[in-house]
Protein backbone atom coordinates (compact mmCIF):
# COMPACT_ATOMS: atom_id res chain seq x y z
CA MET A 1 -9.09 46.75 88.02
CA GLU A 2 -9.42 43.89 85.63
CA ARG A 3 -8.34 44.45 82.21
CA VAL A 4 -10.30 43.65 79.10
CA VAL A 5 -9.61 43.85 75.35
CA VAL A 6 -12.55 44.88 73.50
CA GLY A 7 -12.96 44.04 69.81
CA MET A 8 -14.00 47.23 68.15
CA SER A 9 -15.41 47.20 64.51
CA GLY A 10 -16.23 51.00 64.40
CA GLY A 11 -19.96 50.17 64.91
CA VAL A 12 -22.32 51.27 67.67
CA ASP A 13 -22.44 47.65 69.31
CA SER A 14 -18.75 47.29 70.16
CA ALA A 15 -18.65 50.85 71.02
CA VAL A 16 -21.32 50.54 73.62
CA CYS A 17 -19.67 47.30 74.86
CA ALA A 18 -16.50 49.18 75.60
CA TYR A 19 -18.42 52.12 77.30
CA LEU A 20 -20.55 49.57 79.63
CA LEU A 21 -17.39 47.76 80.64
CA GLN A 22 -15.51 50.91 81.41
CA LYS A 23 -18.50 52.09 83.40
CA SER A 24 -18.40 48.80 85.33
CA GLY A 25 -14.87 49.44 86.43
CA TYR A 26 -12.80 47.50 83.82
CA ASP A 27 -9.65 48.79 82.41
CA VAL A 28 -10.67 48.67 78.77
CA ILE A 29 -8.26 48.40 75.75
CA GLY A 30 -9.73 48.77 72.43
CA VAL A 31 -8.41 46.58 69.44
CA THR A 32 -9.41 46.43 65.71
CA LEU A 33 -8.35 43.34 63.62
CA ARG A 34 -7.69 44.66 60.07
CA THR A 35 -8.92 41.58 58.17
CA TRP A 36 -9.71 42.86 54.60
CA THR A 37 -9.23 45.86 52.40
CA GLY A 38 -10.95 46.10 49.15
CA ALA A 39 -9.23 46.73 45.61
CA SER A 40 -10.41 50.52 45.93
CA GLY A 41 -9.32 50.73 49.54
CA GLU A 42 -12.60 50.23 51.30
CA GLU A 43 -12.55 48.63 54.67
CA SER A 44 -14.42 45.52 55.90
CA ARG A 45 -17.39 46.57 57.79
CA CYS A 46 -15.83 44.57 60.73
CA CYS A 47 -12.87 46.92 60.76
CA GLU A 48 -13.70 50.44 59.96
CA ILE A 49 -10.47 51.72 61.70
CA ASN A 50 -11.24 55.45 61.57
CA ASP A 51 -14.63 55.05 63.30
CA ALA A 52 -13.15 52.75 65.97
CA ARG A 53 -10.29 55.16 66.69
CA SER A 54 -12.68 58.03 67.10
CA ILE A 55 -14.64 55.96 69.55
CA ALA A 56 -11.51 55.02 71.44
CA ASP A 57 -10.80 58.83 71.58
CA VAL A 58 -14.14 59.73 73.06
CA LEU A 59 -13.89 56.96 75.57
CA ASP A 60 -10.20 57.86 76.31
CA ILE A 61 -9.10 54.41 76.14
CA PRO A 62 -5.87 52.95 74.56
CA TYR A 63 -6.41 51.60 70.97
CA TYR A 64 -4.50 49.37 68.67
CA VAL A 65 -4.86 47.80 65.37
CA HIS A 66 -3.57 44.28 64.46
CA ASP A 67 -3.27 43.37 60.72
CA CYS A 68 -4.62 39.91 60.13
CA GLN A 69 -5.26 40.11 56.27
CA ALA A 70 -2.98 37.21 55.45
CA GLU A 71 -4.62 34.91 58.04
CA PHE A 72 -8.07 36.15 57.06
CA LYS A 73 -7.49 35.22 53.44
CA SER A 74 -6.19 31.68 54.41
CA MET A 75 -8.80 30.85 57.01
CA VAL A 76 -11.85 32.80 55.73
CA THR A 77 -12.08 34.12 52.11
CA THR A 78 -10.10 31.22 50.18
CA PRO A 79 -12.27 28.47 52.02
CA PHE A 80 -15.40 30.60 51.29
CA ILE A 81 -14.63 30.70 47.38
CA GLU A 82 -13.60 26.93 47.48
CA ASP A 83 -16.91 25.98 49.19
CA TYR A 84 -18.95 28.05 46.56
CA ILE A 85 -17.06 26.35 43.63
CA CYS A 86 -17.86 23.04 45.37
CA GLY A 87 -21.52 23.80 45.24
CA ILE A 88 -21.91 24.51 49.05
CA THR A 89 -23.07 27.48 50.86
CA PRO A 90 -20.39 28.53 53.64
CA ASN A 91 -20.96 30.77 56.61
CA PRO A 92 -17.68 32.58 56.86
CA CYS A 93 -18.49 34.65 59.93
CA ILE A 94 -18.75 31.36 62.22
CA GLU A 95 -15.21 30.28 60.96
CA CYS A 96 -14.05 33.72 61.39
CA ASN A 97 -15.08 34.04 64.96
CA ARG A 98 -13.40 30.92 66.22
CA LYS A 99 -10.35 30.75 64.00
CA LEU A 100 -9.40 34.24 63.69
CA LYS A 101 -11.22 36.77 65.72
CA TRP A 102 -11.22 35.16 69.23
CA SER A 103 -7.90 33.59 68.55
CA LYS A 104 -6.21 36.97 67.80
CA MET A 105 -8.07 38.87 70.49
CA ILE A 106 -6.87 36.51 73.18
CA GLU A 107 -3.49 36.64 71.79
CA MET A 108 -3.49 40.36 72.02
CA ALA A 109 -4.96 40.14 75.52
CA ASP A 110 -2.12 37.81 76.74
CA ASN A 111 0.34 40.32 75.37
CA LEU A 112 -1.47 43.38 76.80
CA GLY A 113 -1.93 41.65 80.34
CA ALA A 114 -5.77 41.30 80.05
CA GLU A 115 -7.72 38.31 81.41
CA TYR A 116 -10.85 38.97 79.29
CA VAL A 117 -11.79 39.82 75.73
CA ALA A 118 -15.19 41.25 74.99
CA THR A 119 -17.41 41.85 72.00
CA GLY A 120 -20.58 43.63 71.27
CA HIS A 121 -22.46 40.54 70.20
CA TYR A 122 -26.16 40.17 71.21
CA ALA A 123 -25.74 37.16 73.54
CA THR A 124 -24.58 36.20 76.91
CA VAL A 125 -21.99 33.88 78.27
CA GLU A 126 -23.26 31.34 80.79
CA LEU A 127 -21.38 28.92 83.06
CA LEU A 128 -23.82 25.93 83.47
CA PRO A 129 -24.19 23.62 86.48
CA ASN A 130 -22.09 21.10 84.63
CA LYS A 131 -19.23 23.53 84.62
CA ARG A 132 -19.35 24.01 80.89
CA TYR A 133 -19.45 27.37 79.26
CA THR A 134 -22.14 28.24 76.53
CA VAL A 135 -23.87 31.18 74.93
CA LYS A 136 -27.43 32.10 75.60
CA ARG A 137 -29.77 33.67 73.25
CA ALA A 138 -30.11 37.41 73.69
CA ASP A 139 -33.21 38.80 75.34
CA SER A 140 -33.95 40.60 72.07
CA LEU A 141 -34.48 37.55 70.03
CA ALA A 142 -34.59 39.75 66.59
CA LYS A 143 -30.88 40.65 67.49
CA ASP A 144 -29.76 37.23 68.80
CA GLN A 145 -26.33 36.32 67.40
CA THR A 146 -25.63 33.03 69.17
CA TYR A 147 -25.84 31.01 65.85
CA MET A 148 -22.61 32.74 64.73
CA LEU A 149 -20.91 31.78 67.94
CA TYR A 150 -21.55 28.16 68.40
CA LYS A 151 -18.07 27.11 67.40
CA LEU A 152 -16.31 28.92 70.14
CA THR A 153 -14.17 26.78 72.48
CA GLN A 154 -14.54 26.41 76.31
CA GLU A 155 -11.19 28.43 76.81
CA GLN A 156 -12.31 31.14 74.58
CA LEU A 157 -15.80 31.35 76.23
CA ARG A 158 -14.14 31.28 79.67
CA ARG A 159 -12.37 34.51 78.79
CA THR A 160 -15.12 36.29 77.07
CA LEU A 161 -17.55 39.12 78.19
CA MET A 162 -20.60 40.05 76.18
CA PRO A 163 -22.42 42.85 77.94
CA LEU A 164 -25.17 43.53 75.36
CA GLY A 165 -27.26 40.28 75.78
CA HIS A 166 -29.86 41.93 77.88
CA LEU A 167 -30.37 45.09 75.70
CA THR A 168 -32.30 45.82 72.57
CA LYS A 169 -30.70 47.80 69.71
CA ASP A 170 -32.78 50.77 70.62
CA GLU A 171 -31.27 50.73 74.06
CA VAL A 172 -27.85 50.53 72.70
CA ARG A 173 -28.26 53.45 70.54
CA LYS A 174 -29.66 55.46 73.28
CA ILE A 175 -26.78 54.52 75.64
CA ALA A 176 -24.43 55.62 72.70
CA LYS A 177 -26.07 58.86 72.15
CA ALA A 178 -26.20 59.93 75.73
CA ALA A 179 -22.49 59.00 76.10
CA GLY A 180 -21.45 61.14 72.99
CA ILE A 181 -20.44 58.17 71.06
CA PRO A 182 -20.16 59.47 67.51
CA VAL A 183 -21.46 56.29 65.76
CA ALA A 184 -24.66 56.19 67.77
CA GLY A 185 -26.91 56.41 64.65
CA LYS A 186 -24.64 54.31 62.30
CA ALA A 187 -26.56 51.89 60.11
CA ASP A 188 -26.17 48.13 60.84
CA SER A 189 -24.18 45.98 58.23
CA GLN A 190 -26.38 43.22 56.72
CA GLU A 191 -23.97 41.68 54.30
CA ILE A 192 -20.81 39.53 54.73
CA CYS A 193 -18.14 41.84 55.64
CA PHE A 194 -15.86 41.47 52.58
CA VAL A 195 -18.52 41.27 50.06
CA SER A 196 -19.98 44.79 50.43
CA ASP A 197 -22.58 44.59 47.51
CA ASP A 198 -23.73 41.15 48.37
CA ASP A 199 -22.60 40.01 45.07
CA TYR A 200 -21.06 36.65 46.06
CA ALA A 201 -20.38 35.33 42.41
CA GLY A 202 -18.79 38.63 41.47
CA TYR A 203 -16.54 38.47 44.32
CA ILE A 204 -15.45 34.99 43.60
CA GLU A 205 -14.82 35.84 39.86
CA GLU A 206 -12.59 38.79 40.90
CA ASN A 207 -10.65 36.88 43.61
CA TYR A 208 -10.21 33.33 42.32
CA ASP A 209 -7.08 32.65 40.05
CA GLY A 210 -8.12 29.26 38.73
CA PRO A 211 -10.81 28.30 36.12
CA LEU A 212 -14.40 28.64 37.47
CA PRO A 213 -17.11 26.12 36.83
CA GLY A 214 -18.83 27.14 33.49
CA GLU A 215 -22.33 26.95 32.25
CA GLY A 216 -24.49 23.79 32.60
CA ASP A 217 -27.89 22.52 32.77
CA PHE A 218 -30.91 23.23 35.00
CA VAL A 219 -32.56 20.04 35.54
CA ASP A 220 -35.70 18.65 37.39
CA GLU A 221 -35.71 15.96 40.04
CA GLU A 222 -36.01 13.32 37.40
CA GLY A 223 -33.01 14.76 35.50
CA ASN A 224 -34.76 16.34 32.61
CA VAL A 225 -33.22 19.41 31.33
CA LEU A 226 -35.16 22.55 31.89
CA GLY A 227 -32.69 25.21 30.59
CA HIS A 228 -29.21 26.43 31.14
CA HIS A 229 -27.44 27.96 34.12
CA LYS A 230 -24.50 30.45 34.20
CA GLY A 231 -22.21 28.51 36.67
CA VAL A 232 -22.92 26.89 39.96
CA ILE A 233 -21.27 29.73 41.98
CA HIS A 234 -24.43 31.80 41.14
CA TYR A 235 -26.80 29.52 43.21
CA THR A 236 -27.51 28.21 46.66
CA VAL A 237 -30.24 25.74 47.87
CA GLY A 238 -33.59 27.43 48.45
CA GLN A 239 -32.92 30.22 45.83
CA ARG A 240 -35.81 31.36 43.84
CA LYS A 241 -34.83 34.81 42.43
CA GLY A 242 -32.20 35.43 39.81
CA LEU A 243 -32.44 31.96 38.31
CA GLY A 244 -33.00 33.31 34.72
CA ILE A 245 -35.47 30.59 33.81
CA ALA A 246 -39.24 31.02 33.28
CA LEU A 247 -41.33 27.80 33.56
CA GLY A 248 -44.63 29.19 34.18
CA HIS A 249 -44.67 28.41 37.93
CA PRO A 250 -42.26 28.94 40.85
CA VAL A 251 -39.12 26.83 41.17
CA TYR A 252 -36.39 26.73 43.63
CA VAL A 253 -32.80 25.37 43.85
CA LYS A 254 -32.99 22.01 45.49
CA LYS A 255 -29.39 20.67 44.88
CA ILE A 256 -26.21 21.70 43.21
CA ASP A 257 -24.51 18.72 41.55
CA THR A 258 -20.92 19.70 40.72
CA GLN A 259 -20.00 16.41 39.32
CA LYS A 260 -22.49 16.73 36.55
CA ASN A 261 -22.46 20.60 36.65
CA GLU A 262 -26.09 20.58 36.98
CA VAL A 263 -28.49 22.71 39.13
CA VAL A 264 -31.54 20.66 40.31
CA LEU A 265 -34.83 22.72 40.45
CA SER A 266 -38.11 21.74 42.33
CA ASP A 267 -41.25 23.19 43.76
CA ASN A 268 -41.20 24.61 47.29
CA GLU A 269 -42.53 21.48 48.82
CA SER A 270 -39.61 19.38 47.78
CA LEU A 271 -37.22 21.75 49.80
CA PHE A 272 -38.46 20.39 53.13
CA THR A 273 -36.61 17.71 55.17
CA ASP A 274 -37.09 16.49 58.74
CA THR A 275 -33.46 15.16 58.94
CA VAL A 276 -30.06 16.92 58.69
CA VAL A 277 -26.52 15.44 58.91
CA CYS A 278 -23.67 17.45 60.23
CA ARG A 279 -19.87 17.28 60.20
CA ASP A 280 -17.24 19.36 62.07
CA ILE A 281 -19.11 18.99 65.31
CA ASN A 282 -18.48 21.45 68.20
CA MET A 283 -20.33 20.68 71.56
CA MET A 284 -20.51 23.60 73.85
CA GLY A 285 -23.18 23.15 76.78
CA ILE A 286 -22.41 19.33 76.92
CA SER A 287 -19.26 17.45 76.33
CA GLY A 288 -20.74 15.18 73.69
CA ILE A 289 -23.46 12.63 72.84
CA ASN A 290 -22.72 9.10 73.77
CA LYS A 291 -23.22 6.32 71.56
CA GLY A 292 -26.89 5.06 71.61
CA GLU A 293 -27.93 8.29 73.36
CA GLU A 294 -30.60 10.55 72.09
CA ILE A 295 -31.23 14.15 73.33
CA ARG A 296 -34.07 16.53 72.83
CA CYS A 297 -33.24 19.97 71.66
CA ARG A 298 -34.47 22.81 69.51
CA ALA A 299 -32.52 23.31 66.56
CA LYS A 300 -32.03 25.88 63.55
CA VAL A 301 -30.39 25.38 60.29
CA ARG A 302 -29.66 28.98 59.32
CA TYR A 303 -29.18 32.46 61.01
CA ARG A 304 -32.72 33.56 60.24
CA HIS A 305 -34.57 30.54 61.47
CA ASP A 306 -36.47 30.29 64.72
CA PRO A 307 -35.29 27.12 66.54
CA GLU A 308 -37.66 24.07 66.33
CA GLY A 309 -38.25 20.95 68.22
CA ALA A 310 -36.02 18.05 67.38
CA LYS A 311 -33.92 15.04 68.68
CA ALA A 312 -30.21 14.47 68.12
CA PHE A 313 -27.94 11.61 68.16
CA MET A 314 -24.52 10.47 66.70
CA ASP A 315 -24.40 8.01 63.76
CA GLU A 316 -22.00 5.14 63.26
CA HIS A 317 -19.76 7.64 61.26
CA GLY A 318 -19.44 10.10 64.04
CA GLN A 319 -21.63 12.49 62.40
CA LEU A 320 -24.39 14.48 64.23
CA VAL A 321 -27.93 13.70 63.10
CA ILE A 322 -30.72 16.05 63.98
CA LYS A 323 -34.27 14.91 63.27
CA PHE A 324 -36.94 17.64 63.45
CA ASP A 325 -40.32 17.34 64.73
CA LYS A 326 -41.73 18.97 61.64
CA PRO A 327 -39.82 19.31 58.37
CA VAL A 328 -37.63 22.52 57.88
CA ARG A 329 -37.08 24.28 54.65
CA ALA A 330 -33.81 24.50 52.71
CA ALA A 331 -31.20 23.08 54.96
CA ALA A 332 -28.35 24.02 52.73
CA PRO A 333 -25.03 22.10 52.93
CA GLY A 334 -22.28 24.33 54.14
CA GLN A 335 -24.75 26.17 56.55
CA SER A 336 -24.65 25.16 60.24
CA ALA A 337 -27.50 23.36 62.36
CA VAL A 338 -27.24 24.65 65.87
CA MET A 339 -28.92 22.96 68.79
CA TYR A 340 -30.38 24.90 71.97
CA ASP A 341 -31.59 23.54 75.29
CA GLU A 342 -34.93 24.59 76.93
CA ASN A 343 -33.19 27.65 78.35
CA ASP A 344 -32.10 28.95 75.07
CA CYS A 345 -28.33 27.97 75.70
CA ILE A 346 -26.41 26.39 72.85
CA ILE A 347 -25.96 22.63 73.24
CA GLY A 348 -23.62 22.38 70.02
CA GLY A 349 -23.86 22.02 66.43
CA GLY A 350 -22.18 21.38 63.07
CA ILE A 351 -21.86 21.99 59.25
CA ILE A 352 -24.78 20.53 57.34
CA ILE A 353 -23.66 18.02 54.59
């Protein structure tokens, strides 16, 4: 039997992933990466070890825990805090997947004699005719998680199994219930795993040792002062709620200027743009875009965004430029723009600047 290491979070998706692979004849080993523990002892939603261990017991598979808290802090939470202080909106799950989760799972697979690693993501790994690996959007588009996976390397994808890509969440829960898996009805996690109450600013205030940016001005697009903000870590591009300012009409965060310690407000129409530029490019379905070449794609600028028609090329600085057929709303610096082909497979992407 081929051996596979399954990343187990303690949730129903990774549990059913392990169960399906076991039923398919794989020699399954469960692993949990302990990435974060809160001050009060609560575990990250990505590593609820007691639940994961109980699932492994029900499936009668070996189970191991690997402590990665130091690496998680240096690779994920510290850059997350630093990005917010610099006025950009990071997506820590994307960085964690490539730099930590897959890296550590493959390391454990090598140590345990396993060829593959597997996760409960809603996506499928595809080998394209050009011999490159990519990830394809899930059949259940409401649960599709490919956006979070676009930075995985070819070697990581070559060794990855994702058995849930053709299932709906309801189907996954039914499988878990029929198999007697104890977390069949467990609620999904909606927030970043290490910010359990969704209070990003509060997390930064509690976990950053240096001085934080102080109060400053809200300004309009012409630079006129509209009021005072409580610090740039409290805001992100596109935000409307929680601004603490009443102007008699809806306003949104358009830009965060950390040099001036200003938060620029605008109406909703000013949030739209037809062009985004990206750094830290990772190509997946193709090896790259040649100088002077232009490709058609569909692209999205955040997780909850349906891909829209666009063309893409590389500029003279080696940055990826995506020009949308129709303007897209609130493309926030620090988030990722991800490109798909006509078959819903990832072409590549990068971080919006």
